[in-house]
Amino acid sequence: YEQLSRNLERREFSSVANKEEDVCPTCFYEYAEDNPKTVLQCGHIFHLACIYEWMERSAACPFCSKTMLFLEDEITEQVD
């Protein structure tokens, strides 16, 4: 059980924490200057508007269920 748990944690981090993702996993639309992305401390990336809407229902990340905390310098990230 312990080994399986460690493997799942590693796989989850590597597959969803990729900062090169170009679409929001909640709405499946691309990130844009008028709807920027934000990165939570857990490493998951969402549209800022999508995660704010989610926060009205829950304080936990929709992927990993950790309490949502924002990386302060990532909230206003511009899309190239």
N, C-alpha and C. Protein backbone atom coordinates (compact mmCIF):
# COMPACT_ATOMS: atom_id res chain seq x y z
N TYR A 1 0.83 -1.21 0.00
CA TYR A 1 0.00 0.00 0.00
C TYR A 1 0.87 1.26 0.00
N GLU A 2 1.89 1.27 0.83
CA GLU A 2 2.75 2.45 0.94
C GLU A 2 3.47 2.74 -0.38
N GLN A 3 3.98 1.69 -1.04
CA GLN A 3 4.67 1.87 -2.32
C GLN A 3 3.70 2.37 -3.39
N LEU A 4 2.51 1.81 -3.44
CA LEU A 4 1.50 2.24 -4.40
C LEU A 4 1.16 3.71 -4.19
N SER A 5 1.01 4.11 -2.95
CA SER A 5 0.70 5.50 -2.63
C SER A 5 1.80 6.44 -3.13
N ARG A 6 3.06 6.08 -2.90
CA ARG A 6 4.17 6.92 -3.37
C ARG A 6 4.18 7.03 -4.88
N ASN A 7 3.94 5.91 -5.57
CA ASN A 7 3.92 5.93 -7.04
C ASN A 7 2.80 6.81 -7.57
N LEU A 8 1.63 6.75 -6.97
CA LEU A 8 0.51 7.59 -7.41
C LEU A 8 0.81 9.06 -7.20
N GLU A 9 1.41 9.41 -6.08
CA GLU A 9 1.76 10.81 -5.82
C GLU A 9 2.72 11.32 -6.87
N ARG A 10 3.74 10.54 -7.20
CA ARG A 10 4.72 10.96 -8.20
C ARG A 10 4.06 11.12 -9.57
N ARG A 11 3.22 10.18 -9.95
CA ARG A 11 2.56 10.23 -11.25
C ARG A 11 1.63 11.43 -11.33
N GLU A 12 0.87 11.69 -10.29
CA GLU A 12 -0.06 12.82 -10.29
C GLU A 12 0.71 14.12 -10.47
N PHE A 13 1.79 14.30 -9.74
CA PHE A 13 2.55 15.54 -9.82
C PHE A 13 3.11 15.74 -11.22
N SER A 14 3.69 14.69 -11.80
CA SER A 14 4.33 14.85 -13.10
C SER A 14 3.32 15.05 -14.22
N SER A 15 2.12 14.49 -14.09
CA SER A 15 1.17 14.60 -15.19
C SER A 15 0.33 15.86 -15.15
N VAL A 16 0.05 16.41 -13.98
CA VAL A 16 -0.83 17.57 -13.93
C VAL A 16 -0.13 18.87 -13.56
N ALA A 17 1.09 18.81 -13.12
CA ALA A 17 1.77 20.03 -12.71
C ALA A 17 2.64 20.59 -13.83
N ASN A 18 2.43 20.15 -15.04
CA ASN A 18 3.20 20.62 -16.17
C ASN A 18 2.78 22.04 -16.53
N LYS A 19 3.70 22.97 -16.42
CA LYS A 19 3.36 24.38 -16.67
C LYS A 19 3.21 24.69 -18.15
N GLU A 20 3.40 23.71 -19.03
CA GLU A 20 3.26 23.94 -20.46
C GLU A 20 1.84 23.67 -20.95
N GLU A 21 0.94 23.29 -20.06
CA GLU A 21 -0.44 23.03 -20.46
C GLU A 21 -1.02 24.30 -21.08
N ASP A 22 -1.80 24.15 -22.14
CA ASP A 22 -2.34 25.33 -22.81
C ASP A 22 -3.85 25.48 -22.69
N VAL A 23 -4.52 24.55 -21.98
CA VAL A 23 -5.95 24.68 -21.75
C VAL A 23 -6.27 24.47 -20.28
N CYS A 24 -7.32 25.11 -19.84
CA CYS A 24 -7.79 24.98 -18.46
C CYS A 24 -8.48 23.62 -18.32
N PRO A 25 -8.15 22.83 -17.29
CA PRO A 25 -8.78 21.51 -17.14
C PRO A 25 -10.23 21.56 -16.69
N THR A 26 -10.73 22.71 -16.28
CA THR A 26 -12.13 22.78 -15.86
C THR A 26 -13.06 23.18 -16.99
N CYS A 27 -12.61 24.06 -17.88
CA CYS A 27 -13.49 24.52 -18.97
C CYS A 27 -12.99 24.10 -20.36
N PHE A 28 -11.74 23.65 -20.44
CA PHE A 28 -11.11 23.19 -21.68
C PHE A 28 -10.89 24.29 -22.71
N TYR A 29 -10.91 25.55 -22.27
CA TYR A 29 -10.57 26.66 -23.16
C TYR A 29 -9.11 27.05 -22.94
N GLU A 30 -8.50 27.60 -23.99
CA GLU A 30 -7.11 28.03 -23.90
C GLU A 30 -7.01 29.24 -22.98
N TYR A 31 -5.82 29.41 -22.41
CA TYR A 31 -5.56 30.59 -21.59
C TYR A 31 -5.37 31.79 -22.52
N ALA A 32 -5.84 32.94 -22.08
CA ALA A 32 -5.74 34.16 -22.88
C ALA A 32 -5.47 35.33 -21.96
N GLU A 33 -5.05 36.43 -22.55
CA GLU A 33 -4.74 37.61 -21.76
C GLU A 33 -5.95 38.10 -20.97
N ASP A 34 -7.14 37.99 -21.56
CA ASP A 34 -8.34 38.45 -20.86
C ASP A 34 -8.89 37.41 -19.88
N ASN A 35 -8.33 36.22 -19.87
CA ASN A 35 -8.70 35.17 -18.92
C ASN A 35 -7.44 34.40 -18.56
N PRO A 36 -6.59 34.99 -17.71
CA PRO A 36 -5.26 34.42 -17.44
C PRO A 36 -5.32 33.15 -16.60
N LYS A 37 -4.21 32.44 -16.62
CA LYS A 37 -4.10 31.25 -15.79
C LYS A 37 -3.49 31.61 -14.45
N THR A 38 -3.74 30.76 -13.47
CA THR A 38 -3.13 30.90 -12.17
C THR A 38 -2.66 29.53 -11.72
N VAL A 39 -1.62 29.51 -10.89
CA VAL A 39 -1.05 28.27 -10.40
C VAL A 39 -1.27 28.20 -8.90
N LEU A 40 -1.86 27.11 -8.45
CA LEU A 40 -2.04 26.90 -7.02
C LEU A 40 -0.74 26.35 -6.43
N GLN A 41 -0.58 26.43 -5.12
CA GLN A 41 0.62 25.91 -4.49
C GLN A 41 0.80 24.42 -4.72
N CYS A 42 -0.27 23.70 -4.96
CA CYS A 42 -0.17 22.26 -5.23
C CYS A 42 0.35 22.00 -6.64
N GLY A 43 0.44 23.06 -7.46
CA GLY A 43 0.99 22.93 -8.81
C GLY A 43 -0.04 22.84 -9.91
N HIS A 44 -1.31 22.77 -9.58
CA HIS A 44 -2.35 22.67 -10.59
C HIS A 44 -2.66 24.05 -11.17
N ILE A 45 -2.94 24.09 -12.46
CA ILE A 45 -3.13 25.34 -13.20
C ILE A 45 -4.57 25.43 -13.70
N PHE A 46 -5.17 26.60 -13.52
CA PHE A 46 -6.55 26.84 -13.94
C PHE A 46 -6.68 28.28 -14.44
N HIS A 47 -7.77 28.57 -15.16
CA HIS A 47 -8.13 29.96 -15.41
C HIS A 47 -8.42 30.59 -14.05
N LEU A 48 -8.04 31.80 -13.88
CA LEU A 48 -8.32 32.50 -12.64
C LEU A 48 -9.84 32.55 -12.39
N ALA A 49 -10.61 32.87 -13.42
CA ALA A 49 -12.07 32.93 -13.27
C ALA A 49 -12.67 31.57 -12.92
N CYS A 50 -12.15 30.51 -13.51
CA CYS A 50 -12.67 29.16 -13.23
C CYS A 50 -12.41 28.76 -11.79
N ILE A 51 -11.22 29.05 -11.29
CA ILE A 51 -10.90 28.63 -9.92
C ILE A 51 -11.65 29.50 -8.92
N TYR A 52 -11.89 30.77 -9.24
CA TYR A 52 -12.70 31.60 -8.34
C TYR A 52 -14.13 31.06 -8.26
N GLU A 53 -14.67 30.64 -9.40
CA GLU A 53 -16.02 30.06 -9.39
C GLU A 53 -16.03 28.77 -8.57
N TRP A 54 -14.99 27.95 -8.72
CA TRP A 54 -14.89 26.70 -7.94
C TRP A 54 -14.82 27.00 -6.44
N MET A 55 -14.12 28.07 -6.09
CA MET A 55 -13.94 28.41 -4.67
C MET A 55 -15.26 28.78 -4.00
N GLU A 56 -16.27 29.13 -4.78
CA GLU A 56 -17.59 29.40 -4.20
C GLU A 56 -18.22 28.13 -3.64
N ARG A 57 -17.79 26.99 -4.16
CA ARG A 57 -18.32 25.69 -3.73
C ARG A 57 -17.40 24.95 -2.78
N SER A 58 -16.08 25.17 -2.92
CA SER A 58 -15.13 24.37 -2.16
C SER A 58 -13.82 25.13 -1.96
N ALA A 59 -13.15 24.86 -0.85
CA ALA A 59 -11.84 25.46 -0.58
C ALA A 59 -10.71 24.50 -0.96
N ALA A 60 -11.06 23.37 -1.57
CA ALA A 60 -10.07 22.36 -1.94
C ALA A 60 -9.84 22.34 -3.44
N CYS A 61 -8.61 22.08 -3.84
CA CYS A 61 -8.27 21.94 -5.25
C CYS A 61 -9.13 20.84 -5.88
N PRO A 62 -9.70 21.09 -7.07
CA PRO A 62 -10.55 20.09 -7.71
C PRO A 62 -9.81 18.81 -8.11
N PHE A 63 -8.48 18.86 -8.21
CA PHE A 63 -7.72 17.67 -8.59
C PHE A 63 -7.20 16.88 -7.41
N CYS A 64 -6.57 17.57 -6.45
CA CYS A 64 -5.88 16.83 -5.38
C CYS A 64 -6.53 17.00 -4.01
N SER A 65 -7.53 17.85 -3.91
CA SER A 65 -8.28 18.10 -2.67
C SER A 65 -7.47 18.78 -1.57
N LYS A 66 -6.29 19.30 -1.90
CA LYS A 66 -5.54 20.08 -0.92
C LYS A 66 -6.18 21.46 -0.81
N THR A 67 -6.03 22.08 0.35
CA THR A 67 -6.54 23.43 0.54
C THR A 67 -5.88 24.34 -0.50
N MET A 68 -6.70 25.13 -1.19
CA MET A 68 -6.16 25.97 -2.26
C MET A 68 -5.43 27.18 -1.70
N LEU A 69 -4.21 27.32 -2.13
CA LEU A 69 -3.39 28.49 -1.86
C LEU A 69 -2.79 28.91 -3.18
N PHE A 70 -2.77 30.21 -3.44
CA PHE A 70 -2.22 30.71 -4.69
C PHE A 70 -0.75 31.05 -4.52
N LEU A 71 0.02 30.86 -5.58
CA LEU A 71 1.38 31.35 -5.64
C LEU A 71 1.26 32.81 -6.04
N GLU A 72 1.56 33.70 -5.14
CA GLU A 72 1.25 35.13 -5.32
C GLU A 72 1.74 35.69 -6.64
N ASP A 73 2.96 35.35 -7.06
CA ASP A 73 3.49 35.92 -8.29
C ASP A 73 2.92 35.27 -9.54
N GLU A 74 2.15 34.20 -9.42
CA GLU A 74 1.58 33.52 -10.57
C GLU A 74 0.18 34.00 -10.92
N ILE A 75 -0.50 34.69 -10.03
CA ILE A 75 -1.89 35.05 -10.26
C ILE A 75 -2.06 35.97 -11.47
N THR A 76 -1.15 36.86 -11.68
CA THR A 76 -1.29 37.82 -12.77
C THR A 76 -0.41 37.47 -13.96
N GLU A 77 -0.02 36.21 -14.07
CA GLU A 77 0.85 35.79 -15.17
C GLU A 77 0.21 36.11 -16.51
N GLN A 78 0.99 36.67 -17.41
CA GLN A 78 0.51 36.99 -18.74
C GLN A 78 0.77 35.81 -19.68
N VAL A 79 -0.11 35.59 -20.63
CA VAL A 79 0.05 34.54 -21.62
C VAL A 79 0.82 35.11 -22.79
N ASP A 80 1.84 34.37 -23.24
CA ASP A 80 2.64 34.84 -24.38
C ASP A 80 1.91 34.71 -25.69
